[in-house]
Amino acid sequence: MPKYSVIIPVYNRPHELDELLHSLTLVNYKDFEVIVVEDGSQRSSKDICAHYKNKLNLRYEYQNNTGPGPARNTGAGLAQGDYFLFFDSDCLIPAEYFNRVDEKLDNVDCFGGPDMAHPSFNTIQKAISYSMTATLTTGGIRGGKKKLDKFYPRSFNMGIKKEVFQELKGFAKLRFGEDLDFSMRILEAGYTTKLIIEAGVYHKRRNNFKSFFKQVYNSGIARINLNYRHPGSLKMVHALPALFTIGYIITILAGIYFPSFYLLALFPWIIFIVDASIQSKSVKVGMASSLAAMVQIVGYGLGFISATIKRKLFRGREFTAYEKNFYD
C-alpha cells in the first residue's frame, strides 16, 4: 500500500492537469499513487492520464459533474494510501514536496502548506498569487507565518489521515468554501491541523481579473454561509474586506465634493504597489498586484455584504453567485 494517495479533481482543464502530472513525475519520492477524478468535463483529460500511466501509479475515474468536494470524495473512496493528499489541478508540485512533508508529519491528523508563484507564471498569475498570499490582503490566514486566525488547510494543498477523512465522511456538497467547512469540522471533532511552511506548491489560479472577481465574490458569500454551518466561526478579520469596501466607496463619493479625498483613495494602491514590487522584484508585477489586491478585497467585501443582507436581514437560504457563468 502506498503511503500517500494524491487525489486531483479536474474540470475542463486538461492542459493544467498535464503540467501537474508532469511535475509529479519529477518529485524525489515514489511511495504514492495518483487518482484523477474527471468531474463531468466537456474537455476530457483521459488521454492526458493515459500518457502518464507508465510514469506514475495513476488511476483515472470519470463521473458526472457534482462539484469539487464530491469529486474529491470519489477519489478518496478509491484511495489506498495512509494519507490522502488533495491538490487543485492548477498546481505544480516541487521536487522535494513529499520529503518535506515526511520530515514534519509526526503523527499529525491534517496538514497543509502555502501556495506560491512559479517563476514561469505570467504577470497576472503572479499578481493574483501575491494578492491571495500577502499578509496585507489576507492577514496570513491562508498559510503565512503570521496568522490572525487558526490554520485551516485548503484543498489546493491539504493532507489528512485516511481514518480521519473516513470518520468525518469527507467534503460537504458545497460549491465554494467546502475546504474551509471540512477544516472546521476537523478541528471541531478534536483533531489537529498543522501548517508545514516548507511544503508549498506552485498555484496558478485565475488568468484574468474577471474570473478572479467571481471567485473572491463567492468566497465572501461562503464566509457568511459557513458561519451558519459553524456558529461562532466568523471573526473580525473576516469582516475587514467588507469594512474596507464600505470605507472606500464612501471615500470615492466624498471625493465628488472634496477632491482631496481622491488622494486618500490612491493610498492603498500605492501601498500594494510598493509591497508587491519589493516581494516580486518587479514593478510590472507590483502594478498588476495592486489591481489584483483591490479586486480581491472589494470583490470579497461585496460578496460578504451581499450575503449578510440576504441571509441575516432577509433570512434567505444558503446561496452562491455566477453558477451558470462562473467559468466564462
C-alpha atoms as a PDB file:
ATOM      1  CA  MET A   1       0.000   0.000   0.000  1.00  0.00           C
ATOM      2  CA  PRO A   2       1.333   3.481  -0.819  1.00  0.00           C
ATOM      3  CA  LYS A   3       1.879   5.960   1.992  1.00  0.00           C
ATOM      4  CA  TYR A   4       0.181   8.819   0.131  1.00  0.00           C
ATOM      5  CA  SER A   5      -2.802   8.933  -2.189  1.00  0.00           C
ATOM      6  CA  VAL A   6      -2.738  12.077  -4.327  1.00  0.00           C
ATOM      7  CA  ILE A   7      -6.312  12.998  -5.266  1.00  0.00           C
ATOM      8  CA  ILE A   8      -6.945  15.537  -8.024  1.00  0.00           C
ATOM      9  CA  PRO A   9     -10.414  16.655  -9.155  1.00  0.00           C
ATOM     10  CA  VAL A  10     -10.391  18.181 -12.625  1.00  0.00           C
ATOM     11  CA  TYR A  11     -12.999  20.054 -14.648  1.00  0.00           C
ATOM     12  CA  ASN A  12     -12.219  21.194 -18.201  1.00  0.00           C
ATOM     13  CA  ARG A  13      -8.514  21.741 -17.510  1.00  0.00           C
ATOM     14  CA  PRO A  14      -6.559  19.055 -19.393  1.00  0.00           C
ATOM     15  CA  HIS A  15      -3.573  21.309 -20.112  1.00  0.00           C
ATOM     16  CA  GLU A  16      -3.168  22.263 -16.458  1.00  0.00           C
ATOM     17  CA  LEU A  17      -3.531  18.647 -15.376  1.00  0.00           C
ATOM     18  CA  ASP A  18      -0.808  17.688 -17.849  1.00  0.00           C
ATOM     19  CA  GLU A  19       1.575  20.145 -16.198  1.00  0.00           C
ATOM     20  CA  LEU A  20       0.630  18.937 -12.703  1.00  0.00           C
ATOM     21  CA  LEU A  21       1.161  15.273 -13.579  1.00  0.00           C
ATOM     22  CA  HIS A  22       4.464  16.119 -15.240  1.00  0.00           C
ATOM     23  CA  SER A  23       5.622  17.838 -12.043  1.00  0.00           C
ATOM     24  CA  LEU A  24       4.714  14.694 -10.077  1.00  0.00           C
ATOM     25  CA  THR A  25       6.970  12.607 -12.319  1.00  0.00           C
ATOM     26  CA  LEU A  26       9.875  14.802 -11.218  1.00  0.00           C
ATOM     27  CA  VAL A  27       9.455  14.541  -7.427  1.00  0.00           C
ATOM     28  CA  ASN A  28      12.193  12.841  -5.398  1.00  0.00           C
ATOM     29  CA  TYR A  29       9.781  10.342  -3.859  1.00  0.00           C
ATOM     30  CA  LYS A  30       7.954   7.273  -5.142  1.00  0.00           C
ATOM     31  CA  ASP A  31       5.672   5.950  -2.378  1.00  0.00           C
ATOM     32  CA  PHE A  32       2.446   7.496  -3.664  1.00  0.00           C
ATOM     33  CA  GLU A  33      -0.434   6.842  -6.021  1.00  0.00           C
ATOM     34  CA  VAL A  34      -2.374   9.375  -8.085  1.00  0.00           C
ATOM     35  CA  ILE A  35      -6.142   9.376  -8.548  1.00  0.00           C
ATOM     36  CA  VAL A  36      -7.618  11.798 -11.083  1.00  0.00           C
ATOM     37  CA  VAL A  37     -11.373  12.337 -10.908  1.00  0.00           C
ATOM     38  CA  GLU A  38     -12.827  13.878 -14.067  1.00  0.00           C
ATOM     39  CA  ASP A  39     -15.878  15.768 -12.828  1.00  0.00           C
ATOM     40  CA  GLY A  40     -18.103  15.787 -15.912  1.00  0.00           C
ATOM     41  CA  SER A  41     -15.713  17.773 -18.120  1.00  0.00           C
ATOM     42  CA  GLN A  42     -16.507  18.627 -21.721  1.00  0.00           C
ATOM     43  CA  ARG A  43     -12.749  18.756 -22.384  1.00  0.00           C
ATOM     44  CA  SER A  44     -11.565  15.337 -21.302  1.00  0.00           C
ATOM     45  CA  SER A  45      -8.278  14.612 -19.540  1.00  0.00           C
ATOM     46  CA  LYS A  46      -8.453  10.879 -20.256  1.00  0.00           C
ATOM     47  CA  ASP A  47      -5.746  10.935 -22.935  1.00  0.00           C
ATOM     48  CA  ILE A  48      -3.519  13.055 -20.711  1.00  0.00           C
ATOM     49  CA  CYS A  49      -3.815  10.495 -17.921  1.00  0.00           C
ATOM     50  CA  ALA A  50      -3.145   7.627 -20.340  1.00  0.00           C
ATOM     51  CA  HIS A  51       0.128   9.318 -21.287  1.00  0.00           C
ATOM     52  CA  TYR A  52       1.308   9.121 -17.662  1.00  0.00           C
ATOM     53  CA  LYS A  53       0.179   5.548 -16.943  1.00  0.00           C
ATOM     54  CA  ASN A  54       3.718   4.211 -17.302  1.00  0.00           C
ATOM     55  CA  LYS A  55       5.290   7.094 -15.397  1.00  0.00           C
ATOM     56  CA  LEU A  56       3.013   7.242 -12.354  1.00  0.00           C
ATOM     57  CA  ASN A  57       0.909   4.837 -10.312  1.00  0.00           C
ATOM     58  CA  LEU A  58      -2.190   6.527 -11.710  1.00  0.00           C
ATOM     59  CA  ARG A  59      -5.908   5.826 -11.854  1.00  0.00           C
ATOM     60  CA  TYR A  60      -8.392   7.846 -13.915  1.00  0.00           C
ATOM     61  CA  GLU A  61     -12.060   7.981 -12.912  1.00  0.00           C
ATOM     62  CA  TYR A  62     -14.875   9.773 -14.763  1.00  0.00           C
ATOM     63  CA  GLN A  63     -18.129  10.874 -13.124  1.00  0.00           C
ATOM     64  CA  ASN A  64     -20.999  13.236 -13.874  1.00  0.00           C
ATOM     65  CA  ASN A  65     -20.467  16.770 -12.629  1.00  0.00           C
ATOM     66  CA  THR A  66     -21.045  17.108  -8.881  1.00  0.00           C
ATOM     67  CA  GLY A  67     -18.568  19.807  -7.854  1.00  0.00           C
ATOM     68  CA  PRO A  68     -15.052  19.695  -6.380  1.00  0.00           C
ATOM     69  CA  GLY A  69     -15.971  18.393  -2.918  1.00  0.00           C
ATOM     70  CA  PRO A  70     -17.879  15.285  -4.038  1.00  0.00           C
ATOM     71  CA  ALA A  71     -15.226  14.674  -6.724  1.00  0.00           C
ATOM     72  CA  ARG A  72     -12.573  14.544  -4.010  1.00  0.00           C
ATOM     73  CA  ASN A  73     -14.777  12.160  -2.045  1.00  0.00           C
ATOM     74  CA  THR A  74     -14.957   9.884  -5.086  1.00  0.00           C
ATOM     75  CA  GLY A  75     -11.181   9.852  -5.274  1.00  0.00           C
ATOM     76  CA  ALA A  76     -10.890   9.142  -1.554  1.00  0.00           C
ATOM     77  CA  GLY A  77     -13.214   6.160  -1.967  1.00  0.00           C
ATOM     78  CA  LEU A  78     -10.725   4.663  -4.429  1.00  0.00           C
ATOM     79  CA  ALA A  79      -7.591   5.592  -2.489  1.00  0.00           C
ATOM     80  CA  GLN A  80      -5.385   3.069  -0.706  1.00  0.00           C
ATOM     81  CA  GLY A  81      -2.815   5.313   0.986  1.00  0.00           C
ATOM     82  CA  ASP A  82      -2.407   6.035   4.684  1.00  0.00           C
ATOM     83  CA  TYR A  83      -2.685   9.760   3.957  1.00  0.00           C
ATOM     84  CA  PHE A  84      -4.856  11.483   1.373  1.00  0.00           C
ATOM     85  CA  LEU A  85      -3.243  14.452  -0.376  1.00  0.00           C
ATOM     86  CA  PHE A  86      -5.503  16.881  -2.227  1.00  0.00           C
ATOM     87  CA  PHE A  87      -4.156  19.197  -4.923  1.00  0.00           C
ATOM     88  CA  ASP A  88      -6.027  21.505  -7.293  1.00  0.00           C
ATOM     89  CA  SER A  89      -5.466  20.792 -10.974  1.00  0.00           C
ATOM     90  CA  ASP A  90      -3.818  24.204 -11.461  1.00  0.00           C
ATOM     91  CA  CYS A  91      -0.934  23.400  -9.103  1.00  0.00           C
ATOM     92  CA  LEU A  92       2.658  22.345  -9.717  1.00  0.00           C
ATOM     93  CA  ILE A  93       4.431  20.213  -7.106  1.00  0.00           C
ATOM     94  CA  PRO A  94       8.074  20.970  -6.186  1.00  0.00           C
ATOM     95  CA  ALA A  95      10.528  18.077  -6.415  1.00  0.00           C
ATOM     96  CA  GLU A  96      11.152  17.993  -2.638  1.00  0.00           C
ATOM     97  CA  TYR A  97       7.493  18.303  -1.579  1.00  0.00           C
ATOM     98  CA  PHE A  98       6.959  14.762  -0.254  1.00  0.00           C
ATOM     99  CA  ASN A  99      10.322  14.704   1.538  1.00  0.00           C
ATOM    100  CA  ARG A 100       9.477  17.937   3.322  1.00  0.00           C
ATOM    101  CA  VAL A 101       6.094  16.565   4.376  1.00  0.00           C
ATOM    102  CA  ASP A 102       7.708  13.343   5.603  1.00  0.00           C
ATOM    103  CA  GLU A 103      10.127  15.306   7.784  1.00  0.00           C
ATOM    104  CA  LYS A 104       7.344  17.275   9.513  1.00  0.00           C
ATOM    105  CA  LEU A 105       4.429  14.812   9.772  1.00  0.00           C
ATOM    106  CA  ASP A 106       4.981  13.491  13.308  1.00  0.00           C
ATOM    107  CA  ASN A 107       1.541  11.850  13.629  1.00  0.00           C
ATOM    108  CA  VAL A 108      -0.406  14.931  12.504  1.00  0.00           C
ATOM    109  CA  ASP A 109      -4.106  14.405  11.725  1.00  0.00           C
ATOM    110  CA  CYS A 110      -4.354  17.005   8.969  1.00  0.00           C
ATOM    111  CA  PHE A 111      -1.816  19.329   7.415  1.00  0.00           C
ATOM    112  CA  GLY A 112      -1.382  21.852   4.675  1.00  0.00           C
ATOM    113  CA  GLY A 113       1.175  24.136   3.144  1.00  0.00           C
ATOM    114  CA  PRO A 114       1.301  27.529   1.474  1.00  0.00           C
ATOM    115  CA  ASP A 115       0.942  28.310  -2.204  1.00  0.00           C
ATOM    116  CA  MET A 116       3.292  30.450  -4.228  1.00  0.00           C
ATOM    117  CA  ALA A 117       4.035  31.714  -7.729  1.00  0.00           C
ATOM    118  CA  HIS A 118       6.401  29.823 -10.024  1.00  0.00           C
ATOM    119  CA  PRO A 119       8.933  31.951 -11.945  1.00  0.00           C
ATOM    120  CA  SER A 120       7.315  30.776 -15.209  1.00  0.00           C
ATOM    121  CA  PHE A 121       3.896  32.218 -14.303  1.00  0.00           C
ATOM    122  CA  ASN A 122       2.674  35.222 -16.274  1.00  0.00           C
ATOM    123  CA  THR A 123       2.231  38.676 -14.750  1.00  0.00           C
ATOM    124  CA  ILE A 124      -1.460  38.261 -13.902  1.00  0.00           C
ATOM    125  CA  GLN A 125      -0.865  34.869 -12.272  1.00  0.00           C
ATOM    126  CA  LYS A 126       1.951  36.322 -10.172  1.00  0.00           C
ATOM    127  CA  ALA A 127      -0.229  39.297  -9.259  1.00  0.00           C
ATOM    128  CA  ILE A 128      -3.138  37.123  -8.156  1.00  0.00           C
ATOM    129  CA  SER A 129      -0.739  34.878  -6.248  1.00  0.00           C
ATOM    130  CA  TYR A 130       0.503  37.945  -4.378  1.00  0.00           C
ATOM    131  CA  SER A 131      -2.996  39.120  -3.518  1.00  0.00           C
ATOM    132  CA  MET A 132      -4.032  35.671  -2.275  1.00  0.00           C
ATOM    133  CA  THR A 133      -0.957  35.133  -0.099  1.00  0.00           C
ATOM    134  CA  ALA A 134       0.246  38.533   1.127  1.00  0.00           C
ATOM    135  CA  THR A 135      -0.263  39.358   4.798  1.00  0.00           C
ATOM    136  CA  LEU A 136      -1.609  42.788   3.795  1.00  0.00           C
ATOM    137  CA  THR A 137      -4.529  41.209   1.928  1.00  0.00           C
ATOM    138  CA  THR A 138      -5.180  38.006   3.885  1.00  0.00           C
ATOM    139  CA  GLY A 139      -3.958  38.593   7.424  1.00  0.00           C
ATOM    140  CA  GLY A 140      -1.819  35.471   6.935  1.00  0.00           C
ATOM    141  CA  ILE A 141      -4.804  33.118   7.324  1.00  0.00           C
ATOM    142  CA  ARG A 142      -4.044  31.241   4.084  1.00  0.00           C
ATOM    143  CA  GLY A 143      -0.760  29.741   5.222  1.00  0.00           C
ATOM    144  CA  GLY A 144       1.548  32.573   6.138  1.00  0.00           C
ATOM    145  CA  LYS A 145       3.890  32.544   9.114  1.00  0.00           C
ATOM    146  CA  LYS A 146       1.946  35.326  10.829  1.00  0.00           C
ATOM    147  CA  LYS A 147      -1.704  34.448  11.369  1.00  0.00           C
ATOM    148  CA  LEU A 148      -4.727  36.382  12.585  1.00  0.00           C
ATOM    149  CA  ASP A 149      -6.820  33.186  12.822  1.00  0.00           C
ATOM    150  CA  LYS A 150      -6.381  29.411  13.238  1.00  0.00           C
ATOM    151  CA  PHE A 151      -4.776  27.467  10.415  1.00  0.00           C
ATOM    152  CA  TYR A 152      -7.366  25.831   8.185  1.00  0.00           C
ATOM    153  CA  PRO A 153      -5.788  23.661   5.457  1.00  0.00           C
ATOM    154  CA  ARG A 154      -7.108  24.439   1.973  1.00  0.00           C
ATOM    155  CA  SER A 155      -7.827  21.877  -0.703  1.00  0.00           C
ATOM    156  CA  PHE A 156      -5.182  23.170  -3.126  1.00  0.00           C
ATOM    157  CA  ASN A 157      -2.605  21.675  -0.712  1.00  0.00           C
ATOM    158  CA  MET A 158      -4.159  19.526   2.010  1.00  0.00           C
ATOM    159  CA  GLY A 159      -3.207  16.214   3.573  1.00  0.00           C
ATOM    160  CA  ILE A 160      -5.229  14.126   6.016  1.00  0.00           C
ATOM    161  CA  LYS A 161      -5.074  10.708   7.636  1.00  0.00           C
ATOM    162  CA  LYS A 162      -7.284   8.190   5.876  1.00  0.00           C
ATOM    163  CA  GLU A 163      -9.161   7.219   9.048  1.00  0.00           C
ATOM    164  CA  VAL A 164      -9.881  10.857   9.955  1.00  0.00           C
ATOM    165  CA  PHE A 165     -11.261  11.552   6.477  1.00  0.00           C
ATOM    166  CA  GLN A 166     -13.467   8.474   6.655  1.00  0.00           C
ATOM    167  CA  GLU A 167     -14.773   9.279  10.119  1.00  0.00           C
ATOM    168  CA  LEU A 168     -15.803  12.793   9.037  1.00  0.00           C
ATOM    169  CA  LYS A 169     -17.256  11.477   5.753  1.00  0.00           C
ATOM    170  CA  GLY A 170     -15.228  13.831   3.609  1.00  0.00           C
ATOM    171  CA  PHE A 171     -16.215  17.084   1.960  1.00  0.00           C
ATOM    172  CA  ALA A 172     -19.726  18.504   2.012  1.00  0.00           C
ATOM    173  CA  LYS A 173     -21.540  19.237  -1.244  1.00  0.00           C
ATOM    174  CA  LEU A 174     -20.676  22.939  -1.301  1.00  0.00           C
ATOM    175  CA  ARG A 175     -19.594  24.763  -4.460  1.00  0.00           C
ATOM    176  CA  PHE A 176     -17.494  27.304  -2.546  1.00  0.00           C
ATOM    177  CA  GLY A 177     -15.905  27.085   0.886  1.00  0.00           C
ATOM    178  CA  GLU A 178     -16.096  23.281   1.002  1.00  0.00           C
ATOM    179  CA  ASP A 179     -12.462  23.024   2.093  1.00  0.00           C
ATOM    180  CA  LEU A 180     -12.915  25.540   4.913  1.00  0.00           C
ATOM    181  CA  ASP A 181     -16.042  23.693   6.033  1.00  0.00           C
ATOM    182  CA  PHE A 182     -14.065  20.444   6.108  1.00  0.00           C
ATOM    183  CA  SER A 183     -11.168  22.000   8.047  1.00  0.00           C
ATOM    184  CA  MET A 184     -13.614  23.446  10.561  1.00  0.00           C
ATOM    185  CA  ARG A 185     -15.207  20.037  11.065  1.00  0.00           C
ATOM    186  CA  ILE A 186     -11.758  18.520  11.555  1.00  0.00           C
ATOM    187  CA  LEU A 187     -10.955  20.965  14.350  1.00  0.00           C
ATOM    188  CA  GLU A 188     -14.429  20.733  15.884  1.00  0.00           C
ATOM    189  CA  ALA A 189     -14.010  16.946  16.097  1.00  0.00           C
ATOM    190  CA  GLY A 190     -10.890  17.439  18.213  1.00  0.00           C
ATOM    191  CA  TYR A 191      -8.293  16.619  15.565  1.00  0.00           C
ATOM    192  CA  THR A 192      -5.151  18.642  14.976  1.00  0.00           C
ATOM    193  CA  THR A 193      -4.028  20.635  11.952  1.00  0.00           C
ATOM    194  CA  LYS A 194      -0.502  21.710  11.130  1.00  0.00           C
ATOM    195  CA  LEU A 195       0.991  24.235   8.750  1.00  0.00           C
ATOM    196  CA  ILE A 196       4.085  22.788   7.068  1.00  0.00           C
ATOM    197  CA  ILE A 197       5.557  26.003   5.775  1.00  0.00           C
ATOM    198  CA  GLU A 198       8.267  24.162   3.821  1.00  0.00           C
ATOM    199  CA  ALA A 199       5.695  22.108   1.865  1.00  0.00           C
ATOM    200  CA  GLY A 200       4.463  24.758  -0.540  1.00  0.00           C
ATOM    201  CA  VAL A 201       3.018  24.231  -4.005  1.00  0.00           C
ATOM    202  CA  TYR A 202       3.018  26.477  -7.054  1.00  0.00           C
ATOM    203  CA  HIS A 203      -0.566  27.602  -7.649  1.00  0.00           C
ATOM    204  CA  LYS A 204      -1.591  29.169 -10.963  1.00  0.00           C
ATOM    205  CA  ARG A 205      -5.064  30.414 -10.004  1.00  0.00           C
ATOM    206  CA  ARG A 206      -7.011  32.572 -12.477  1.00  0.00           C
ATOM    207  CA  ASN A 207      -5.765  34.019 -15.749  1.00  0.00           C
ATOM    208  CA  ASN A 208      -7.876  37.184 -15.747  1.00  0.00           C
ATOM    209  CA  PHE A 209      -9.355  39.596 -13.241  1.00  0.00           C
ATOM    210  CA  LYS A 210     -12.966  38.970 -14.301  1.00  0.00           C
ATOM    211  CA  SER A 211     -12.872  35.306 -13.272  1.00  0.00           C
ATOM    212  CA  PHE A 212     -10.841  36.237 -10.184  1.00  0.00           C
ATOM    213  CA  PHE A 213     -13.581  38.665  -9.131  1.00  0.00           C
ATOM    214  CA  LYS A 214     -16.205  35.915  -9.451  1.00  0.00           C
ATOM    215  CA  GLN A 215     -14.074  33.632  -7.300  1.00  0.00           C
ATOM    216  CA  VAL A 216     -13.478  36.097  -4.466  1.00  0.00           C
ATOM    217  CA  TYR A 217     -17.066  37.374  -4.573  1.00  0.00           C
ATOM    218  CA  ASN A 218     -18.209  33.826  -3.914  1.00  0.00           C
ATOM    219  CA  SER A 219     -15.590  33.486  -1.183  1.00  0.00           C
ATOM    220  CA  GLY A 220     -17.186  36.434   0.601  1.00  0.00           C
ATOM    221  CA  ILE A 221     -20.599  34.784   0.303  1.00  0.00           C
ATOM    222  CA  ALA A 222     -19.168  31.470   1.501  1.00  0.00           C
ATOM    223  CA  ARG A 223     -17.814  33.058   4.686  1.00  0.00           C
ATOM    224  CA  ILE A 224     -21.345  34.017   5.760  1.00  0.00           C
ATOM    225  CA  ASN A 225     -22.729  30.637   4.687  1.00  0.00           C
ATOM    226  CA  LEU A 226     -20.050  28.910   6.758  1.00  0.00           C
ATOM    227  CA  ASN A 227     -20.982  30.874   9.851  1.00  0.00           C
ATOM    228  CA  TYR A 228     -24.466  29.352   9.676  1.00  0.00           C
ATOM    229  CA  ARG A 229     -22.953  25.877   9.437  1.00  0.00           C
ATOM    230  CA  HIS A 230     -20.369  26.652  12.125  1.00  0.00           C
ATOM    231  CA  PRO A 231     -21.785  29.265  14.536  1.00  0.00           C
ATOM    232  CA  GLY A 232     -19.086  31.428  16.057  1.00  0.00           C
ATOM    233  CA  SER A 233     -16.582  30.824  13.260  1.00  0.00           C
ATOM    234  CA  LEU A 234     -16.951  34.364  11.920  1.00  0.00           C
ATOM    235  CA  LYS A 235     -14.193  36.627  13.270  1.00  0.00           C
ATOM    236  CA  MET A 236     -13.452  40.316  12.903  1.00  0.00           C
ATOM    237  CA  VAL A 237     -10.618  39.570  10.470  1.00  0.00           C
ATOM    238  CA  HIS A 238     -13.166  38.069   8.066  1.00  0.00           C
ATOM    239  CA  ALA A 239     -15.188  41.296   8.042  1.00  0.00           C
ATOM    240  CA  LEU A 240     -12.221  43.574   7.315  1.00  0.00           C
ATOM    241  CA  PRO A 241     -12.597  43.448   3.492  1.00  0.00           C
ATOM    242  CA  ALA A 242     -16.267  44.445   3.806  1.00  0.00           C
ATOM    243  CA  LEU A 243     -15.385  47.329   6.132  1.00  0.00           C
ATOM    244  CA  PHE A 244     -12.641  48.425   3.745  1.00  0.00           C
ATOM    245  CA  THR A 245     -15.065  48.261   0.799  1.00  0.00           C
ATOM    246  CA  ILE A 246     -17.656  50.405   2.563  1.00  0.00           C
ATOM    247  CA  GLY A 247     -14.995  52.911   3.596  1.00  0.00           C
ATOM    248  CA  TYR A 248     -13.540  53.017   0.104  1.00  0.00           C
ATOM    249  CA  ILE A 249     -16.925  53.668  -1.508  1.00  0.00           C
ATOM    250  CA  ILE A 250     -17.566  56.476   0.985  1.00  0.00           C
ATOM    251  CA  THR A 251     -14.146  57.953   0.194  1.00  0.00           C
ATOM    252  CA  ILE A 252     -14.844  57.932  -3.562  1.00  0.00           C
ATOM    253  CA  LEU A 253     -18.252  59.538  -3.074  1.00  0.00           C
ATOM    254  CA  ALA A 254     -16.779  62.146  -0.738  1.00  0.00           C
ATOM    255  CA  GLY A 255     -14.289  62.995  -3.474  1.00  0.00           C
ATOM    256  CA  ILE A 256     -17.142  64.399  -5.566  1.00  0.00           C
ATOM    257  CA  TYR A 257     -17.458  67.256  -3.055  1.00  0.00           C
ATOM    258  CA  PHE A 258     -13.954  67.230  -1.589  1.00  0.00           C
ATOM    259  CA  PRO A 259     -11.448  66.307  -4.357  1.00  0.00           C
ATOM    260  CA  SER A 260      -8.655  65.780  -1.837  1.00  0.00           C
ATOM    261  CA  PHE A 261     -10.372  62.516  -0.854  1.00  0.00           C
ATOM    262  CA  TYR A 262      -9.316  61.078  -4.216  1.00  0.00           C
ATOM    263  CA  LEU A 263      -5.725  61.296  -2.993  1.00  0.00           C
ATOM    264  CA  LEU A 264      -6.729  59.245   0.038  1.00  0.00           C
ATOM    265  CA  ALA A 265      -8.316  56.679  -2.291  1.00  0.00           C
ATOM    266  CA  LEU A 266      -4.935  56.235  -4.013  1.00  0.00           C
ATOM    267  CA  PHE A 267      -3.193  55.326  -0.762  1.00  0.00           C
ATOM    268  CA  PRO A 268      -3.979  51.555  -0.709  1.00  0.00           C
ATOM    269  CA  TRP A 269      -2.982  51.246  -4.377  1.00  0.00           C
ATOM    270  CA  ILE A 270       0.412  52.770  -3.593  1.00  0.00           C
ATOM    271  CA  ILE A 271       0.923  50.525  -0.557  1.00  0.00           C
ATOM    272  CA  PHE A 272       0.195  47.396  -2.601  1.00  0.00           C
ATOM    273  CA  ILE A 273       2.414  48.518  -5.495  1.00  0.00           C
ATOM    274  CA  VAL A 274       5.369  49.109  -3.165  1.00  0.00           C
ATOM    275  CA  ASP A 275       4.903  45.893  -1.164  1.00  0.00           C
ATOM    276  CA  ALA A 276       4.345  43.673  -4.208  1.00  0.00           C
ATOM    277  CA  SER A 277       7.193  45.265  -6.173  1.00  0.00           C
ATOM    278  CA  ILE A 278       9.589  44.576  -3.307  1.00  0.00           C
ATOM    279  CA  GLN A 279       8.402  40.992  -2.908  1.00  0.00           C
ATOM    280  CA  SER A 280       8.406  40.175  -6.623  1.00  0.00           C
ATOM    281  CA  LYS A 281      11.390  42.379  -7.525  1.00  0.00           C
ATOM    282  CA  SER A 282       9.312  43.664 -10.432  1.00  0.00           C
ATOM    283  CA  VAL A 283       7.461  46.976 -10.760  1.00  0.00           C
ATOM    284  CA  LYS A 284       5.336  45.454 -13.535  1.00  0.00           C
ATOM    285  CA  VAL A 285       4.160  42.673 -11.228  1.00  0.00           C
ATOM    286  CA  GLY A 286       3.748  45.243  -8.459  1.00  0.00           C
ATOM    287  CA  MET A 287       1.387  47.342 -10.585  1.00  0.00           C
ATOM    288  CA  ALA A 288      -0.698  44.303 -11.550  1.00  0.00           C
ATOM    289  CA  SER A 289      -0.652  43.073  -7.954  1.00  0.00           C
ATOM    290  CA  SER A 290      -2.163  46.340  -6.765  1.00  0.00           C
ATOM    291  CA  LEU A 291      -5.128  45.810  -9.095  1.00  0.00           C
ATOM    292  CA  ALA A 292      -5.391  42.154  -8.045  1.00  0.00           C
ATOM    293  CA  ALA A 293      -5.374  43.122  -4.371  1.00  0.00           C
ATOM    294  CA  MET A 294      -8.141  45.680  -4.864  1.00  0.00           C
ATOM    295  CA  VAL A 295     -10.218  43.211  -6.903  1.00  0.00           C
ATOM    296  CA  GLN A 296      -9.783  40.644  -4.151  1.00  0.00           C
ATOM    297  CA  ILE A 297     -10.628  42.895  -1.215  1.00  0.00           C
ATOM    298  CA  VAL A 298     -13.549  44.689  -2.861  1.00  0.00           C
ATOM    299  CA  GLY A 299     -14.875  41.529  -4.544  1.00  0.00           C
ATOM    300  CA  TYR A 300     -14.752  39.568  -1.293  1.00  0.00           C
ATOM    301  CA  GLY A 301     -16.193  42.530   0.599  1.00  0.00           C
ATOM    302  CA  LEU A 302     -19.142  42.901  -1.792  1.00  0.00           C
ATOM    303  CA  GLY A 303     -19.877  39.169  -1.588  1.00  0.00           C
ATOM    304  CA  PHE A 304     -19.694  39.323   2.199  1.00  0.00           C
ATOM    305  CA  ILE A 305     -22.057  42.327   2.295  1.00  0.00           C
ATOM    306  CA  SER A 306     -24.464  40.709  -0.181  1.00  0.00           C
ATOM    307  CA  ALA A 307     -24.650  37.502   1.854  1.00  0.00           C
ATOM    308  CA  THR A 308     -25.048  39.428   5.107  1.00  0.00           C
ATOM    309  CA  ILE A 309     -28.033  41.324   3.694  1.00  0.00           C
ATOM    310  CA  LYS A 310     -29.688  38.299   2.070  1.00  0.00           C
ATOM    311  CA  ARG A 311     -29.139  35.831   4.891  1.00  0.00           C
ATOM    312  CA  LYS A 312     -29.216  37.959   8.031  1.00  0.00           C
ATOM    313  CA  LEU A 313     -31.667  40.707   7.100  1.00  0.00           C
ATOM    314  CA  PHE A 314     -33.958  38.791   4.747  1.00  0.00           C
ATOM    315  CA  ARG A 315     -33.471  35.314   6.294  1.00  0.00           C
ATOM    316  CA  GLY A 316     -32.519  33.843   2.937  1.00  0.00           C
ATOM    317  CA  ARG A 317     -31.150  30.371   2.324  1.00  0.00           C
ATOM    318  CA  GLU A 318     -27.591  29.338   1.500  1.00  0.00           C
ATOM    319  CA  PHE A 319     -26.648  30.551  -1.991  1.00  0.00           C
ATOM    320  CA  THR A 320     -23.799  31.155  -4.435  1.00  0.00           C
ATOM    321  CA  ALA A 321     -23.322  33.577  -7.334  1.00  0.00           C
ATOM    322  CA  TYR A 322     -22.411  33.146 -11.021  1.00  0.00           C
ATOM    323  CA  GLU A 323     -23.462  29.488 -11.020  1.00  0.00           C
ATOM    324  CA  LYS A 324     -24.203  29.417 -14.768  1.00  0.00           C
ATOM    325  CA  ASN A 325     -21.291  31.525 -15.999  1.00  0.00           C
ATOM    326  CA  PHE A 326     -18.583  31.071 -13.369  1.00  0.00           C
ATOM    327  CA  TYR A 327     -16.102  29.705 -15.924  1.00  0.00           C
ATOM    328  CA  ASP A 328     -16.966  32.181 -18.704  1.00  0.00           C
END
